[in-house]
Protein backbone atom coordinates (compact mmCIF):
# COMPACT_ATOMS: atom_id res chain seq x y z
CA MET A 1 0.00 0.00 0.00
CA ALA A 2 2.76 2.41 0.97
CA GLU A 3 4.63 1.59 -2.23
CA ALA A 4 1.54 2.29 -4.34
CA GLU A 5 1.01 5.60 -2.56
CA ALA A 6 4.65 6.54 -3.15
CA GLU A 7 4.21 5.87 -6.88
CA VAL A 8 1.14 8.10 -7.00
CA ILE A 9 2.92 10.88 -5.11
CA GLY A 10 5.92 10.53 -7.42
CA ALA A 11 3.72 10.73 -10.50
CA ASP A 12 1.92 13.79 -9.14
CA LYS A 13 5.27 15.44 -8.40
CA GLU A 14 6.47 14.78 -11.93
CA LEU A 15 3.33 16.33 -13.42
CA GLU A 16 3.75 19.32 -11.11
CA ASN A 17 7.38 19.75 -12.21
CA MET A 18 6.40 19.65 -15.88
CA PHE A 19 3.59 22.11 -15.23
CA GLN A 20 5.95 24.50 -13.42
CA ALA A 21 8.36 24.24 -16.36
CA GLY A 22 5.58 25.22 -18.76
CA ALA A 23 5.76 21.94 -20.66
CA HIS A 24 1.95 21.89 -21.00
CA PHE A 25 1.70 24.86 -23.38
CA ALA A 26 1.11 23.99 -27.04
CA TYR A 27 0.03 26.41 -29.81
CA SER A 28 -3.27 27.76 -31.06
CA PRO A 29 -5.72 25.25 -32.59
CA SER A 30 -5.07 26.65 -36.07
CA ARG A 31 -1.43 25.53 -35.87
CA ARG A 32 -2.11 22.01 -34.62
CA HIS A 33 -1.11 19.08 -36.79
CA PRO A 34 -3.99 16.56 -36.98
CA LYS A 35 -1.78 13.73 -35.68
CA MET A 36 -1.12 15.66 -32.45
CA SER A 37 -4.80 15.94 -31.51
CA SER A 38 -4.73 12.94 -29.18
CA PHE A 39 -2.14 14.65 -26.96
CA ILE A 40 -4.26 17.77 -26.39
CA GLN A 41 -6.29 18.00 -23.19
CA GLY A 42 -7.90 21.42 -23.48
CA ILE A 43 -7.52 25.06 -24.42
CA LYS A 44 -7.00 28.32 -22.52
CA ASN A 45 -6.83 31.81 -24.03
CA ASN A 46 -6.63 30.26 -27.50
CA VAL A 47 -3.57 28.21 -26.51
CA GLU A 48 -3.99 24.45 -26.48
CA ILE A 49 -2.85 22.50 -23.43
CA PHE A 50 -1.04 19.18 -23.56
CA ASP A 51 -2.25 16.26 -21.48
CA LEU A 52 0.75 16.00 -19.17
CA GLU A 53 -0.07 12.44 -18.20
CA LYS A 54 0.48 11.45 -21.83
CA THR A 55 3.61 13.59 -21.94
CA SER A 56 4.87 11.80 -18.84
CA GLU A 57 4.22 8.39 -20.39
CA ALA A 58 6.00 9.40 -23.60
CA LEU A 59 8.93 10.81 -21.63
CA GLY A 60 9.19 7.54 -19.71
CA ARG A 61 9.42 5.53 -22.94
CA ALA A 62 12.13 7.85 -24.26
CA GLU A 63 14.02 7.58 -20.97
CA ASP A 64 13.90 3.78 -21.13
CA PHE A 65 15.33 3.87 -24.65
CA LEU A 66 18.14 6.26 -23.72
CA ARG A 67 18.92 4.34 -20.55
CA LYS A 68 19.48 1.24 -22.69
CA ALA A 69 21.49 3.30 -25.19
CA GLY A 70 23.70 4.52 -22.35
CA GLN A 71 24.11 1.01 -21.03
CA ALA A 72 25.26 -0.11 -24.48
CA ARG A 73 27.49 3.00 -24.72
CA LYS A 74 25.82 3.99 -27.97
CA SER A 75 26.64 7.29 -29.63
CA VAL A 76 23.70 9.71 -29.42
CA LEU A 77 23.63 12.97 -31.37
CA TRP A 78 21.80 15.82 -29.56
CA VAL A 79 20.30 18.48 -31.84
CA GLY A 80 18.62 21.78 -31.00
CA THR A 81 19.58 25.01 -32.76
CA LYS A 82 16.74 27.31 -31.72
CA PRO A 83 17.91 29.91 -29.15
CA SER A 84 15.91 28.37 -26.29
CA ALA A 85 17.58 24.99 -26.84
CA ARG A 86 21.21 25.91 -27.50
CA ALA A 87 22.55 26.26 -23.98
CA VAL A 88 21.08 23.03 -22.62
CA ILE A 89 22.04 21.06 -25.76
CA GLU A 90 25.65 22.26 -25.45
CA LYS A 91 25.69 21.53 -21.71
CA ILE A 92 24.35 18.00 -22.11
CA GLY A 93 26.63 17.19 -25.03
CA ARG A 94 29.71 18.27 -23.09
CA GLU A 95 28.71 16.60 -19.83
CA LEU A 96 27.91 13.29 -21.51
CA GLY A 97 30.87 13.45 -23.87
CA GLN A 98 28.41 13.10 -26.75
CA ASN A 99 28.24 14.92 -30.06
CA TYR A 100 25.78 17.77 -30.43
CA VAL A 101 24.59 20.45 -32.86
CA ALA A 102 23.47 23.67 -31.20
CA ARG A 103 24.22 26.27 -33.86
CA ARG A 104 23.68 25.17 -37.45
CA TRP A 105 23.03 21.79 -38.99
CA ILE A 106 25.45 20.95 -41.78
CA GLY A 107 23.64 19.31 -44.67
CA GLY A 108 24.90 15.77 -45.21
CA THR A 109 26.04 15.24 -41.62
CA LEU A 110 24.20 11.92 -41.65
CA THR A 111 23.54 11.20 -45.32
CA ASN A 112 27.01 12.12 -46.61
CA PHE A 113 29.03 11.24 -43.56
CA LYS A 114 32.09 10.18 -45.58
CA LEU A 115 32.56 13.77 -46.79
CA ILE A 116 31.90 15.19 -43.32
CA ARG A 117 34.49 12.83 -41.84
CA GLU A 118 37.05 13.95 -44.45
CA ARG A 119 36.42 17.60 -43.56
CA LEU A 120 36.72 16.81 -39.86
CA LYS A 121 40.05 15.09 -40.49
CA TYR A 122 41.26 18.10 -42.48
CA PHE A 123 40.20 20.37 -39.61
CA GLU A 124 42.04 18.19 -37.09
CA ASP A 125 45.19 18.14 -39.24
CA LEU A 126 45.20 21.95 -39.49
CA LYS A 127 44.91 22.27 -35.71
CA LYS A 128 47.76 19.82 -35.16
CA LYS A 129 49.98 21.71 -37.60
CA ARG A 130 49.26 24.97 -35.81
CA GLU A 131 49.99 23.45 -32.40
CA SER A 132 53.23 21.83 -33.58
CA GLY A 133 54.49 25.05 -35.15
CA GLU A 134 54.47 23.55 -38.62
CA LEU A 135 52.61 26.57 -39.98
CA GLU A 136 55.56 28.84 -39.18
CA LYS A 137 57.08 27.98 -42.56
CA TYR A 138 54.28 29.92 -44.25
CA THR A 139 54.21 33.68 -44.77
CA LYS A 140 52.36 35.87 -42.29
CA LYS A 141 49.55 36.39 -44.80
CA GLU A 142 49.25 32.64 -45.43
CA ARG A 143 49.20 31.91 -41.70
CA LEU A 144 46.43 34.48 -41.24
CA THR A 145 44.38 32.84 -44.00
CA ILE A 146 44.86 29.40 -42.44
CA SER A 147 44.00 30.75 -39.00
CA ARG A 148 40.76 32.19 -40.34
CA GLU A 149 39.95 28.87 -41.98
CA ILE A 150 40.53 27.06 -38.68
CA GLY A 151 38.19 29.52 -36.97
CA SER A 152 35.53 29.00 -39.63
CA LEU A 153 35.78 25.21 -39.38
CA ALA A 154 35.69 25.37 -35.58
CA GLU A 155 32.42 27.30 -35.73
CA LYS A 156 30.95 25.03 -38.41
CA PHE A 157 31.86 21.76 -36.67
CA SER A 158 31.30 22.91 -33.09
CA GLY A 159 29.96 19.95 -31.13
CA ILE A 160 30.74 17.26 -33.70
CA GLU A 161 34.54 17.53 -33.81
CA ASN A 162 34.80 14.00 -32.38
CA LEU A 163 32.18 12.40 -34.60
CA LYS A 164 34.40 9.59 -35.87
CA ASN A 165 31.53 7.32 -36.88
CA GLY A 166 27.88 8.00 -37.56
CA PRO A 167 25.65 8.26 -34.44
CA GLU A 168 23.46 5.35 -33.40
CA ALA A 169 20.52 7.48 -32.24
CA ILE A 170 19.47 11.12 -32.29
CA VAL A 171 17.60 13.47 -29.94
CA ILE A 172 15.94 16.41 -31.71
CA VAL A 173 14.25 19.50 -30.32
CA ASP A 174 11.41 20.45 -32.68
CA PRO A 175 11.73 18.27 -35.83
CA ARG A 176 9.75 20.87 -37.77
CA GLU A 177 12.47 23.42 -37.03
CA GLU A 178 15.25 20.88 -37.59
CA LYS A 179 13.68 19.52 -40.76
CA THR A 180 16.99 18.72 -42.50
CA ALA A 181 18.39 16.85 -39.51
CA PHE A 182 15.08 15.03 -39.09
CA SER A 183 14.91 14.10 -42.77
CA GLU A 184 18.49 12.81 -42.79
CA ALA A 185 17.93 10.78 -39.61
CA ARG A 186 14.92 9.11 -41.20
CA ARG A 187 16.82 8.38 -44.41
CA VAL A 188 19.57 6.54 -42.52
CA ASN A 189 17.05 4.81 -40.22
CA LEU A 190 18.28 6.32 -36.96
CA PRO A 191 16.04 5.90 -33.91
CA ILE A 192 14.66 9.38 -33.22
CA VAL A 193 13.75 10.85 -29.84
CA ALA A 194 12.06 14.23 -30.21
CA VAL A 195 10.54 16.94 -28.06
CA LEU A 196 7.81 18.33 -30.28
CA SER A 197 4.92 20.74 -29.95
CA SER A 198 1.48 20.58 -31.52
CA ASP A 199 2.58 21.96 -34.90
CA ASN A 200 4.75 18.89 -35.60
CA ASP A 201 3.93 15.70 -37.46
CA PRO A 202 5.08 12.89 -35.12
CA SER A 203 5.27 10.38 -37.98
CA GLY A 204 8.71 8.83 -38.18
CA VAL A 205 9.61 9.73 -34.60
CA ALA A 206 10.23 6.55 -32.63
CA TYR A 207 9.93 8.31 -29.26
CA PRO A 208 7.86 11.51 -29.57
CA ILE A 209 7.52 13.64 -26.44
CA PRO A 210 4.54 16.02 -26.86
CA ALA A 211 5.44 19.18 -24.96
CA ASN A 212 6.36 22.83 -25.20
CA ASP A 213 9.41 22.84 -27.49
CA SER A 214 10.00 26.60 -27.38
CA ALA A 215 10.33 27.63 -23.72
CA SER A 216 13.81 27.11 -22.31
CA SER A 217 12.38 26.03 -18.93
CA SER A 218 10.45 23.20 -20.58
CA LEU A 219 13.41 22.10 -22.68
CA VAL A 220 15.82 22.18 -19.74
CA TYR A 221 13.51 19.98 -17.68
CA LEU A 222 12.80 17.44 -20.43
CA LEU A 223 16.29 17.23 -21.91
CA GLU A 224 17.94 16.96 -18.50
CA ARG A 225 15.61 14.05 -17.76
CA LEU A 226 16.70 12.36 -20.99
CA ALA A 227 20.37 13.04 -20.25
CA LYS A 228 19.98 11.63 -16.74
CA ALA A 229 18.51 8.42 -18.17
CA TYR A 230 21.45 8.04 -20.56
CA ARG A 231 23.88 8.74 -17.71
CA GLU A 232 22.21 6.12 -15.50
CA GLY A 233 22.49 3.54 -18.24
CA ALA A 234 26.15 4.32 -18.83
CA ALA A 235 26.87 4.11 -15.09
CA SER A 236 25.17 0.73 -14.80
CA SER A 237 27.44 -0.70 -17.50
CA ALA A 238 30.65 0.63 -15.95
CA PRO A 239 32.93 -2.05 -14.46
CA GLU A 240 32.71 -2.23 -10.68
CA ASN A 241 35.59 -0.81 -8.72
CA ASN A 242 36.79 -3.60 -6.47
CA GLY A 243 39.44 -1.43 -4.87
């Protein structure tokens, strides 16, 4: 009995946390995609409201998937370039040691990975030459040109510098916004976890999480939950320290 009560209290607390984060806000009815109708509970001031119980269930399924991905040490690419998503995407990517895209998606990152890998290798070689002093043999003007190229490549490949092989799963904030990343992920059959609002078509998303995908508070709460699940899985697969 006590265990059942604890589960109810825990569930209520989770719904309260999502509510406080503003995860329940969708868009106006006119913007709703027909396939998102089942996730809508009501409307207030012409803004539709997500059914947070369904959001919680969807989040739980996504957490289970990422927990298993972490346990298997799978590479997960985290994508969110809208301003409200950038900071938390960068934070999670760095903390987990995973690749991420928080600024601009480079076309072909998934569908033309061979070319991307070649450009990443070129970028790495340039950095090594600069660090070793090998660039000193060039003129000042040539060194300046190379330095600018390194800066441009650093900005372009920020977050995916260590993407040696293609990712094994992807987390996307707002597939409608990240339509190129979403399309490429589908073409290469990557499992997709996505936080998506009512204007999205959830088709093709293996683990859709219906929620506010614009407010930073909502994204921080949901993405940190997903990151925690991955971290838990990775920790459970770590070899025990026997001293």
